[in-house]
Amino acid sequence: MLIFSCCLFLCLTLVVTGKEKKPIVQERKSCCSTEQFAELTSDKSFRNAHLEPTSLNFTPTIGKWITLKTADGTDAKIFEVPSNKPTNNVIFMIHEWWGLNEYIQREAEQLQQSLPNVTVIALDLYDGKIATDRETAGKYMSSVSKQRCETIIRAAIVHVGSKAKIGTIGWCFGGGWSLQATLLAGRQAVAGVLYYGMPETDTAKLKTLHADILGVFGNQDKWITPEVVATFEKNMKQVGKKLTVKTYNADHAFANPSNPQFDKTATEDARAVALEFFKSHLK
């Protein structure tokens, strides 16, 4: 089961009219899509949409933690689940706003077992920090450095080597960064999957994509709304890039089983679609 679900982009703000608070949308620049998404942590309804995760007591049986040296001389951590046999097929997995917790470690192992010819690498964009409550998760996500995240992703690209064919997958916070990782991977990128994450709206950046993209969204999402998805589709068509959109009658983070809006049927269907997408691109 896919566990973690969680220019014109729409960032919710609150306008106070008397005693009534009404959500409105504001137009933002296209250059900072992941940072715009991080701003949503100031919205209490967004924070409350993520039920705090319970412990799995999960112990990895295949995956191992590896330390990478980044270009700035610091260390970065990845959780690598190796292929059953030597392969150049790799999927970068990016965690939701909780951090690279046991749910993501389990998901990495499960995804690799479903794709035996692929090595799955979960990237830790929080540098070891893991949140167990909404307030802490919000602080972590809002304080993420775009430069640091890109540095970690580039270190992972160096780690897998120039012959690797790279796919990406992520949910919510990780969904937006999944697309950014696909952009950073350049010609090595072959497939990107984002679950209800921030779409890139800068068409100049989208022109540089070398991979097909699968976007999984919920049409009841109050943040990555159908209008945001439609804009993403329009922009991708404009620059001649292939985007497949799969939409469910579901809310934000519907594929997260700890979420009150978890939709088991939609989650299982989305998982099947994502697996077929990866199988067709990582042969």
C-alpha atoms as a PDB file:
ATOM      1  CA  MET A   1       0.000   0.000   0.000  1.00  0.00           C
ATOM      2  CA  LEU A   2       1.378   3.389  -0.872  1.00  0.00           C
ATOM      3  CA  ILE A   3       1.612   4.811   2.611  1.00  0.00           C
ATOM      4  CA  PHE A   4       2.382   8.486   2.471  1.00  0.00           C
ATOM      5  CA  SER A   5       0.251  10.559   0.822  1.00  0.00           C
ATOM      6  CA  CYS A   6       1.259  14.310   2.776  1.00  0.00           C
ATOM      7  CA  CYS A   7       3.363  32.026 -12.204  1.00  0.00           C
ATOM      8  CA  LEU A   8       0.072  30.871 -10.631  1.00  0.00           C
ATOM      9  CA  PHE A   9       0.081  28.887  -7.494  1.00  0.00           C
ATOM     10  CA  LEU A  10      -2.499  29.417  -4.847  1.00  0.00           C
ATOM     11  CA  CYS A  11      -1.444  29.989  -1.275  1.00  0.00           C
ATOM     12  CA  LEU A  12      -4.219  30.261   1.300  1.00  0.00           C
ATOM     13  CA  THR A  13      -4.278  33.265   3.537  1.00  0.00           C
ATOM     14  CA  LEU A  14      -6.887  34.538   5.938  1.00  0.00           C
ATOM     15  CA  VAL A  15      -8.607  37.859   5.652  1.00  0.00           C
ATOM     16  CA  VAL A  16     -10.481  39.045   8.681  1.00  0.00           C
ATOM     17  CA  THR A  17     -13.773  40.791   8.039  1.00  0.00           C
ATOM     18  CA  GLY A  18     -15.229  41.721  11.398  1.00  0.00           C
ATOM     19  CA  LYS A  19     -15.305  38.444  13.296  1.00  0.00           C
ATOM     20  CA  GLU A  20     -15.520  36.297  10.208  1.00  0.00           C
ATOM     21  CA  LYS A  21     -12.416  34.750   8.675  1.00  0.00           C
ATOM     22  CA  LYS A  22     -12.610  33.946   5.006  1.00  0.00           C
ATOM     23  CA  PRO A  23     -10.041  31.989   2.984  1.00  0.00           C
ATOM     24  CA  ILE A  24      -8.858  33.671  -0.168  1.00  0.00           C
ATOM     25  CA  VAL A  25      -6.157  32.906  -2.672  1.00  0.00           C
ATOM     26  CA  GLN A  26      -3.236  35.023  -3.703  1.00  0.00           C
ATOM     27  CA  GLU A  27      -1.134  34.858  -6.818  1.00  0.00           C
ATOM     28  CA  ARG A  28       2.476  34.027  -6.124  1.00  0.00           C
ATOM     29  CA  LYS A  29       5.645  33.987  -8.147  1.00  0.00           C
ATOM     30  CA  SER A  30       6.405  30.741  -9.934  1.00  0.00           C
ATOM     31  CA  CYS A  31      10.023  30.426  -8.881  1.00  0.00           C
ATOM     32  CA  CYS A  32       9.444  29.045  -5.422  1.00  0.00           C
ATOM     33  CA  SER A  33       6.722  26.421  -5.706  1.00  0.00           C
ATOM     34  CA  THR A  34       7.930  24.221  -2.854  1.00  0.00           C
ATOM     35  CA  GLU A  35       8.410  27.238  -0.606  1.00  0.00           C
ATOM     36  CA  GLN A  36       4.873  28.374  -1.384  1.00  0.00           C
ATOM     37  CA  PHE A  37       3.604  24.989  -0.283  1.00  0.00           C
ATOM     38  CA  ALA A  38       5.592  25.263   2.954  1.00  0.00           C
ATOM     39  CA  GLU A  39       3.712  28.486   3.695  1.00  0.00           C
ATOM     40  CA  LEU A  40       0.531  26.443   4.086  1.00  0.00           C
ATOM     41  CA  THR A  41       1.761  25.360   7.506  1.00  0.00           C
ATOM     42  CA  SER A  42       0.447  28.707   8.788  1.00  0.00           C
ATOM     43  CA  ASP A  43      -3.072  27.501   7.924  1.00  0.00           C
ATOM     44  CA  LYS A  44      -4.538  25.662  10.921  1.00  0.00           C
ATOM     45  CA  SER A  45      -6.947  23.687   8.730  1.00  0.00           C
ATOM     46  CA  PHE A  46      -3.995  22.394   6.693  1.00  0.00           C
ATOM     47  CA  ARG A  47      -2.191  21.271   9.841  1.00  0.00           C
ATOM     48  CA  ASN A  48      -5.311  19.635  11.220  1.00  0.00           C
ATOM     49  CA  ALA A  49      -5.836  17.721   7.983  1.00  0.00           C
ATOM     50  CA  HIS A  50      -2.854  15.552   8.947  1.00  0.00           C
ATOM     51  CA  LEU A  51      -3.605  13.165  11.797  1.00  0.00           C
ATOM     52  CA  GLU A  52      -0.540  12.505  13.921  1.00  0.00           C
ATOM     53  CA  PRO A  53       0.994   9.136  12.972  1.00  0.00           C
ATOM     54  CA  THR A  54       0.992   6.179  15.306  1.00  0.00           C
ATOM     55  CA  SER A  55       4.079   4.055  15.805  1.00  0.00           C
ATOM     56  CA  LEU A  56       4.542   1.076  13.512  1.00  0.00           C
ATOM     57  CA  ASN A  57       7.372  -0.488  15.488  1.00  0.00           C
ATOM     58  CA  PHE A  58       8.867  -1.198  12.072  1.00  0.00           C
ATOM     59  CA  THR A  59      12.323  -2.706  11.750  1.00  0.00           C
ATOM     60  CA  PRO A  60      13.885  -2.587   8.258  1.00  0.00           C
ATOM     61  CA  THR A  61      14.845  -5.958   6.850  1.00  0.00           C
ATOM     62  CA  ILE A  62      16.277  -4.921   3.477  1.00  0.00           C
ATOM     63  CA  GLY A  63      16.971  -1.206   3.519  1.00  0.00           C
ATOM     64  CA  LYS A  64      20.093   0.356   4.993  1.00  0.00           C
ATOM     65  CA  TRP A  65      21.050   3.854   6.032  1.00  0.00           C
ATOM     66  CA  ILE A  66      23.877   5.350   4.010  1.00  0.00           C
ATOM     67  CA  THR A  67      25.747   8.609   4.574  1.00  0.00           C
ATOM     68  CA  LEU A  68      26.557  10.738   1.536  1.00  0.00           C
ATOM     69  CA  LYS A  69      28.980  13.625   1.331  1.00  0.00           C
ATOM     70  CA  THR A  70      27.335  16.631  -0.274  1.00  0.00           C
ATOM     71  CA  ALA A  71      28.913  19.305  -2.463  1.00  0.00           C
ATOM     72  CA  ASP A  72      29.064  21.749   0.460  1.00  0.00           C
ATOM     73  CA  GLY A  73      31.099  19.289   2.532  1.00  0.00           C
ATOM     74  CA  THR A  74      28.302  18.251   4.878  1.00  0.00           C
ATOM     75  CA  ASP A  75      26.714  14.822   5.316  1.00  0.00           C
ATOM     76  CA  ALA A  76      23.313  13.703   4.068  1.00  0.00           C
ATOM     77  CA  LYS A  77      21.416  10.514   4.895  1.00  0.00           C
ATOM     78  CA  ILE A  78      19.539   8.192   2.556  1.00  0.00           C
ATOM     79  CA  PHE A  79      17.632   4.976   3.206  1.00  0.00           C
ATOM     80  CA  GLU A  80      18.548   2.630   0.359  1.00  0.00           C
ATOM     81  CA  VAL A  81      16.670  -0.553  -0.532  1.00  0.00           C
ATOM     82  CA  PRO A  82      18.778  -2.349  -3.162  1.00  0.00           C
ATOM     83  CA  SER A  83      17.473  -4.175  -6.179  1.00  0.00           C
ATOM     84  CA  ASN A  84      17.443  -7.965  -6.141  1.00  0.00           C
ATOM     85  CA  LYS A  85      20.068  -7.886  -8.886  1.00  0.00           C
ATOM     86  CA  PRO A  86      22.457  -5.296 -10.345  1.00  0.00           C
ATOM     87  CA  THR A  87      20.478  -2.534 -12.033  1.00  0.00           C
ATOM     88  CA  ASN A  88      20.687   1.037 -13.240  1.00  0.00           C
ATOM     89  CA  ASN A  89      17.016   1.618 -12.408  1.00  0.00           C
ATOM     90  CA  VAL A  90      16.525   3.846  -9.369  1.00  0.00           C
ATOM     91  CA  ILE A  91      13.542   5.518  -7.714  1.00  0.00           C
ATOM     92  CA  PHE A  92      14.047   8.453  -5.371  1.00  0.00           C
ATOM     93  CA  MET A  93      11.315   8.515  -2.712  1.00  0.00           C
ATOM     94  CA  ILE A  94      10.642  11.727  -0.805  1.00  0.00           C
ATOM     95  CA  HIS A  95       8.867  11.798   2.522  1.00  0.00           C
ATOM     96  CA  GLU A  96       5.830  13.775   3.637  1.00  0.00           C
ATOM     97  CA  TRP A  97       6.097  16.595   6.178  1.00  0.00           C
ATOM     98  CA  TRP A  98       6.738  14.206   9.095  1.00  0.00           C
ATOM     99  CA  GLY A  99      10.220  13.345   7.864  1.00  0.00           C
ATOM    100  CA  LEU A 100      11.793  10.059   6.843  1.00  0.00           C
ATOM    101  CA  ASN A 101      10.046   8.030   9.500  1.00  0.00           C
ATOM    102  CA  GLU A 102       9.258   4.323   9.760  1.00  0.00           C
ATOM    103  CA  TYR A 103       6.255   4.665   7.453  1.00  0.00           C
ATOM    104  CA  ILE A 104       8.481   5.865   4.627  1.00  0.00           C
ATOM    105  CA  GLN A 105      11.090   3.211   5.379  1.00  0.00           C
ATOM    106  CA  ARG A 106       8.386   0.533   5.151  1.00  0.00           C
ATOM    107  CA  GLU A 107       7.001   2.062   1.975  1.00  0.00           C
ATOM    108  CA  ALA A 108      10.465   2.060   0.400  1.00  0.00           C
ATOM    109  CA  GLU A 109      10.872  -1.644   1.139  1.00  0.00           C
ATOM    110  CA  GLN A 110       7.382  -2.462  -0.133  1.00  0.00           C
ATOM    111  CA  LEU A 111       7.858  -0.485  -3.344  1.00  0.00           C
ATOM    112  CA  GLN A 112      11.159  -2.198  -4.034  1.00  0.00           C
ATOM    113  CA  GLN A 113       9.580  -5.616  -3.541  1.00  0.00           C
ATOM    114  CA  SER A 114       6.920  -4.679  -6.091  1.00  0.00           C
ATOM    115  CA  LEU A 115       9.614  -3.576  -8.565  1.00  0.00           C
ATOM    116  CA  PRO A 116      12.417  -6.151  -8.236  1.00  0.00           C
ATOM    117  CA  ASN A 117      14.559  -4.553 -10.961  1.00  0.00           C
ATOM    118  CA  VAL A 118      14.651  -1.182  -9.170  1.00  0.00           C
ATOM    119  CA  THR A 119      16.673   0.203  -6.260  1.00  0.00           C
ATOM    120  CA  VAL A 120      14.562   2.497  -4.093  1.00  0.00           C
ATOM    121  CA  ILE A 121      16.271   5.330  -2.248  1.00  0.00           C
ATOM    122  CA  ALA A 122      14.373   7.416   0.291  1.00  0.00           C
ATOM    123  CA  LEU A 123      15.971  10.854   0.606  1.00  0.00           C
ATOM    124  CA  ASP A 124      16.031  12.586   3.990  1.00  0.00           C
ATOM    125  CA  LEU A 125      15.389  16.263   3.249  1.00  0.00           C
ATOM    126  CA  TYR A 126      15.027  16.988   6.981  1.00  0.00           C
ATOM    127  CA  ASP A 127      18.577  15.878   7.872  1.00  0.00           C
ATOM    128  CA  GLY A 128      17.469  13.363  10.489  1.00  0.00           C
ATOM    129  CA  LYS A 129      14.616  15.327  12.030  1.00  0.00           C
ATOM    130  CA  ILE A 130      11.342  13.409  12.460  1.00  0.00           C
ATOM    131  CA  ALA A 131       8.107  14.956  13.689  1.00  0.00           C
ATOM    132  CA  THR A 132       5.487  13.061  15.670  1.00  0.00           C
ATOM    133  CA  ASP A 133       3.018  15.934  16.082  1.00  0.00           C
ATOM    134  CA  ARG A 134       1.482  18.458  13.683  1.00  0.00           C
ATOM    135  CA  GLU A 135       3.028  21.571  15.211  1.00  0.00           C
ATOM    136  CA  THR A 136       6.559  20.192  14.954  1.00  0.00           C
ATOM    137  CA  ALA A 137       5.945  18.923  11.416  1.00  0.00           C
ATOM    138  CA  GLY A 138       4.736  22.370  10.438  1.00  0.00           C
ATOM    139  CA  LYS A 139       7.873  23.975  11.864  1.00  0.00           C
ATOM    140  CA  TYR A 140      10.109  21.542  10.011  1.00  0.00           C
ATOM    141  CA  MET A 141       8.351  21.999   6.682  1.00  0.00           C
ATOM    142  CA  SER A 142       8.181  25.782   6.929  1.00  0.00           C
ATOM    143  CA  SER A 143      11.888  26.041   7.767  1.00  0.00           C
ATOM    144  CA  VAL A 144      13.151  23.778   4.978  1.00  0.00           C
ATOM    145  CA  SER A 145      15.903  25.335   2.900  1.00  0.00           C
ATOM    146  CA  LYS A 146      15.377  24.982  -0.851  1.00  0.00           C
ATOM    147  CA  GLN A 147      19.134  25.134  -1.363  1.00  0.00           C
ATOM    148  CA  ARG A 148      19.738  22.358   1.175  1.00  0.00           C
ATOM    149  CA  CYS A 149      17.117  20.096  -0.372  1.00  0.00           C
ATOM    150  CA  GLU A 150      18.623  20.562  -3.815  1.00  0.00           C
ATOM    151  CA  THR A 151      22.085  19.833  -2.415  1.00  0.00           C
ATOM    152  CA  ILE A 152      20.855  16.535  -0.950  1.00  0.00           C
ATOM    153  CA  ILE A 153      19.117  15.545  -4.185  1.00  0.00           C
ATOM    154  CA  ARG A 154      22.236  16.307  -6.223  1.00  0.00           C
ATOM    155  CA  ALA A 155      24.326  14.198  -3.836  1.00  0.00           C
ATOM    156  CA  ALA A 156      21.925  11.291  -4.419  1.00  0.00           C
ATOM    157  CA  ILE A 157      22.235  11.743  -8.175  1.00  0.00           C
ATOM    158  CA  VAL A 158      26.017  11.550  -7.866  1.00  0.00           C
ATOM    159  CA  HIS A 159      25.636   8.488  -5.629  1.00  0.00           C
ATOM    160  CA  VAL A 160      23.665   6.477  -8.213  1.00  0.00           C
ATOM    161  CA  GLY A 161      26.029   7.410 -11.039  1.00  0.00           C
ATOM    162  CA  SER A 162      25.711   8.831 -14.519  1.00  0.00           C
ATOM    163  CA  LYS A 163      24.272   5.627 -16.011  1.00  0.00           C
ATOM    164  CA  ALA A 164      21.310   5.449 -13.650  1.00  0.00           C
ATOM    165  CA  LYS A 165      17.784   5.885 -14.949  1.00  0.00           C
ATOM    166  CA  ILE A 166      15.952   7.834 -12.265  1.00  0.00           C
ATOM    167  CA  GLY A 167      12.299   7.781 -11.274  1.00  0.00           C
ATOM    168  CA  THR A 168      10.857   9.803  -8.394  1.00  0.00           C
ATOM    169  CA  ILE A 169       7.860   9.563  -6.077  1.00  0.00           C
ATOM    170  CA  GLY A 170       6.603  11.644  -3.162  1.00  0.00           C
ATOM    171  CA  TRP A 171       3.520  12.726  -1.248  1.00  0.00           C
ATOM    172  CA  CYS A 172       2.348  16.199  -0.189  1.00  0.00           C
ATOM    173  CA  PHE A 173       5.619  18.022   0.722  1.00  0.00           C
ATOM    174  CA  GLY A 174       7.440  15.137  -0.955  1.00  0.00           C
ATOM    175  CA  GLY A 175       5.184  15.324  -4.004  1.00  0.00           C
ATOM    176  CA  GLY A 176       6.408  18.791  -4.836  1.00  0.00           C
ATOM    177  CA  TRP A 177       9.987  17.768  -4.227  1.00  0.00           C
ATOM    178  CA  SER A 178       9.508  14.656  -6.346  1.00  0.00           C
ATOM    179  CA  LEU A 179       8.890  16.915  -9.337  1.00  0.00           C
ATOM    180  CA  GLN A 180      11.828  19.139  -8.401  1.00  0.00           C
ATOM    181  CA  ALA A 181      14.082  16.066  -8.156  1.00  0.00           C
ATOM    182  CA  THR A 182      12.944  15.023 -11.627  1.00  0.00           C
ATOM    183  CA  LEU A 183      13.945  18.437 -12.931  1.00  0.00           C
ATOM    184  CA  LEU A 184      17.329  18.274 -11.186  1.00  0.00           C
ATOM    185  CA  ALA A 185      18.037  14.791 -12.587  1.00  0.00           C
ATOM    186  CA  GLY A 186      17.983  16.192 -16.128  1.00  0.00           C
ATOM    187  CA  ARG A 187      18.380  13.608 -18.879  1.00  0.00           C
ATOM    188  CA  GLN A 188      18.765  10.811 -16.338  1.00  0.00           C
ATOM    189  CA  ALA A 189      15.155  11.269 -15.244  1.00  0.00           C
ATOM    190  CA  VAL A 190      12.652   8.917 -16.876  1.00  0.00           C
ATOM    191  CA  ALA A 191       9.530   9.011 -14.679  1.00  0.00           C
ATOM    192  CA  GLY A 192       8.148  11.223 -11.924  1.00  0.00           C
ATOM    193  CA  VAL A 193       5.151  10.576  -9.662  1.00  0.00           C
ATOM    194  CA  LEU A 194       3.715  13.263  -7.411  1.00  0.00           C
ATOM    195  CA  TYR A 195       0.852  12.692  -5.021  1.00  0.00           C
ATOM    196  CA  TYR A 196      -1.070  15.917  -4.290  1.00  0.00           C
ATOM    197  CA  GLY A 197       2.162  17.876  -4.224  1.00  0.00           C
ATOM    198  CA  MET A 198       3.005  21.364  -5.416  1.00  0.00           C
ATOM    199  CA  PRO A 199       3.156  21.515  -9.214  1.00  0.00           C
ATOM    200  CA  GLU A 200       5.903  23.634 -10.737  1.00  0.00           C
ATOM    201  CA  THR A 201       4.265  26.562 -12.552  1.00  0.00           C
ATOM    202  CA  ASP A 202       7.357  28.084 -14.148  1.00  0.00           C
ATOM    203  CA  THR A 203       7.051  26.990 -17.779  1.00  0.00           C
ATOM    204  CA  ALA A 204      10.720  27.796 -18.381  1.00  0.00           C
ATOM    205  CA  LYS A 205      11.586  25.126 -15.809  1.00  0.00           C
ATOM    206  CA  LEU A 206       9.000  22.680 -17.124  1.00  0.00           C
ATOM    207  CA  LYS A 207      10.567  22.974 -20.580  1.00  0.00           C
ATOM    208  CA  THR A 208      13.694  21.329 -19.174  1.00  0.00           C
ATOM    209  CA  LEU A 209      11.856  18.146 -18.131  1.00  0.00           C
ATOM    210  CA  HIS A 210      13.127  14.949 -19.738  1.00  0.00           C
ATOM    211  CA  ALA A 211      10.697  12.580 -18.016  1.00  0.00           C
ATOM    212  CA  ASP A 212       7.022  11.736 -18.214  1.00  0.00           C
ATOM    213  CA  ILE A 213       5.023  12.736 -15.148  1.00  0.00           C
ATOM    214  CA  LEU A 214       2.142  11.061 -13.320  1.00  0.00           C
ATOM    215  CA  GLY A 215       0.136  13.325 -11.030  1.00  0.00           C
ATOM    216  CA  VAL A 216      -2.253  11.822  -8.455  1.00  0.00           C
ATOM    217  CA  PHE A 217      -4.756  14.236  -6.930  1.00  0.00           C
ATOM    218  CA  GLY A 218      -7.948  14.412  -4.890  1.00  0.00           C
ATOM    219  CA  ASN A 219     -10.708  16.616  -6.251  1.00  0.00           C
ATOM    220  CA  GLN A 220     -11.751  17.588  -2.710  1.00  0.00           C
ATOM    221  CA  ASP A 221      -8.276  18.913  -1.920  1.00  0.00           C
ATOM    222  CA  LYS A 222      -8.557  22.449  -0.542  1.00  0.00           C
ATOM    223  CA  TRP A 223      -4.913  23.269  -1.232  1.00  0.00           C
ATOM    224  CA  ILE A 224      -3.850  21.433  -4.387  1.00  0.00           C
ATOM    225  CA  THR A 225      -7.229  22.247  -5.870  1.00  0.00           C
ATOM    226  CA  PRO A 226      -8.691  21.106  -9.213  1.00  0.00           C
ATOM    227  CA  GLU A 227      -7.892  24.606 -10.488  1.00  0.00           C
ATOM    228  CA  VAL A 228      -4.225  24.172  -9.555  1.00  0.00           C
ATOM    229  CA  VAL A 229      -4.181  20.788 -11.304  1.00  0.00           C
ATOM    230  CA  ALA A 230      -5.817  22.280 -14.409  1.00  0.00           C
ATOM    231  CA  THR A 231      -3.141  24.978 -14.533  1.00  0.00           C
ATOM    232  CA  PHE A 232      -0.459  22.293 -14.270  1.00  0.00           C
ATOM    233  CA  GLU A 233      -2.039  20.376 -17.149  1.00  0.00           C
ATOM    234  CA  LYS A 234      -2.231  23.530 -19.255  1.00  0.00           C
ATOM    235  CA  ASN A 235       1.399  24.438 -18.582  1.00  0.00           C
ATOM    236  CA  MET A 236       2.672  20.954 -19.351  1.00  0.00           C
ATOM    237  CA  LYS A 237       0.727  20.901 -22.607  1.00  0.00           C
ATOM    238  CA  GLN A 238       2.066  24.326 -23.490  1.00  0.00           C
ATOM    239  CA  VAL A 239       5.684  23.164 -23.212  1.00  0.00           C
ATOM    240  CA  GLY A 240       5.017  19.824 -24.913  1.00  0.00           C
ATOM    241  CA  LYS A 241       5.639  17.559 -21.919  1.00  0.00           C
ATOM    242  CA  LYS A 242       3.709  14.387 -21.132  1.00  0.00           C
ATOM    243  CA  LEU A 243       1.571  14.509 -18.020  1.00  0.00           C
ATOM    244  CA  THR A 244      -0.880  11.828 -16.935  1.00  0.00           C
ATOM    245  CA  VAL A 245      -3.357  12.975 -14.295  1.00  0.00           C
ATOM    246  CA  LYS A 246      -5.251  10.537 -12.092  1.00  0.00           C
ATOM    247  CA  THR A 247      -7.928  12.195  -9.978  1.00  0.00           C
ATOM    248  CA  TYR A 248      -9.987  10.640  -7.205  1.00  0.00           C
ATOM    249  CA  ASN A 249     -13.076  11.795  -5.364  1.00  0.00           C
ATOM    250  CA  ALA A 250     -10.962  12.249  -2.268  1.00  0.00           C
ATOM    251  CA  ASP A 251      -9.350  14.817   0.010  1.00  0.00           C
ATOM    252  CA  HIS A 252      -5.747  15.904   0.471  1.00  0.00           C
ATOM    253  CA  ALA A 253      -3.488  13.141   1.846  1.00  0.00           C
ATOM    254  CA  PHE A 254      -6.078  10.494   0.994  1.00  0.00           C
ATOM    255  CA  ALA A 255      -3.354   7.853   0.593  1.00  0.00           C
ATOM    256  CA  ASN A 256      -2.102   8.313   4.147  1.00  0.00           C
ATOM    257  CA  PRO A 257      -3.704   5.651   6.401  1.00  0.00           C
ATOM    258  CA  SER A 258      -3.262   7.818   9.502  1.00  0.00           C
ATOM    259  CA  ASN A 259      -5.357  10.563   7.914  1.00  0.00           C
ATOM    260  CA  PRO A 260      -9.076  10.828   8.799  1.00  0.00           C
ATOM    261  CA  GLN A 261      -9.747  11.213   5.058  1.00  0.00           C
ATOM    262  CA  PHE A 262      -7.851   8.025   4.144  1.00  0.00           C
ATOM    263  CA  ASP A 263      -9.457   6.369   1.138  1.00  0.00           C
ATOM    264  CA  LYS A 264      -8.390   2.726   0.910  1.00  0.00           C
ATOM    265  CA  THR A 265     -10.011   2.091  -2.481  1.00  0.00           C
ATOM    266  CA  ALA A 266      -8.467   5.161  -4.094  1.00  0.00           C
ATOM    267  CA  THR A 267      -5.098   4.393  -2.490  1.00  0.00           C
ATOM    268  CA  GLU A 268      -4.996   0.866  -3.881  1.00  0.00           C
ATOM    269  CA  ASP A 269      -6.025   2.021  -7.343  1.00  0.00           C
ATOM    270  CA  ALA A 270      -3.438   4.809  -7.330  1.00  0.00           C
ATOM    271  CA  ARG A 271      -0.782   2.337  -6.257  1.00  0.00           C
ATOM    272  CA  ALA A 272      -1.602   0.064  -9.197  1.00  0.00           C
ATOM    273  CA  VAL A 273      -1.455   3.010 -11.595  1.00  0.00           C
ATOM    274  CA  ALA A 274       1.886   4.172 -10.191  1.00  0.00           C
ATOM    275  CA  LEU A 275       3.402   0.697 -10.389  1.00  0.00           C
ATOM    276  CA  GLU A 276       2.397   0.303 -14.027  1.00  0.00           C
ATOM    277  CA  PHE A 277       3.784   3.755 -14.765  1.00  0.00           C
ATOM    278  CA  PHE A 278       7.149   2.836 -13.274  1.00  0.00           C
ATOM    279  CA  LYS A 279       7.195  -0.578 -14.949  1.00  0.00           C
ATOM    280  CA  SER A 280       6.673   1.017 -18.354  1.00  0.00           C
ATOM    281  CA  HIS A 281       9.490   3.516 -17.837  1.00  0.00           C
ATOM    282  CA  LEU A 282      12.032   1.476 -15.847  1.00  0.00           C
ATOM    283  CA  LYS A 283      12.311  -1.689 -17.891  1.00  0.00           C
END
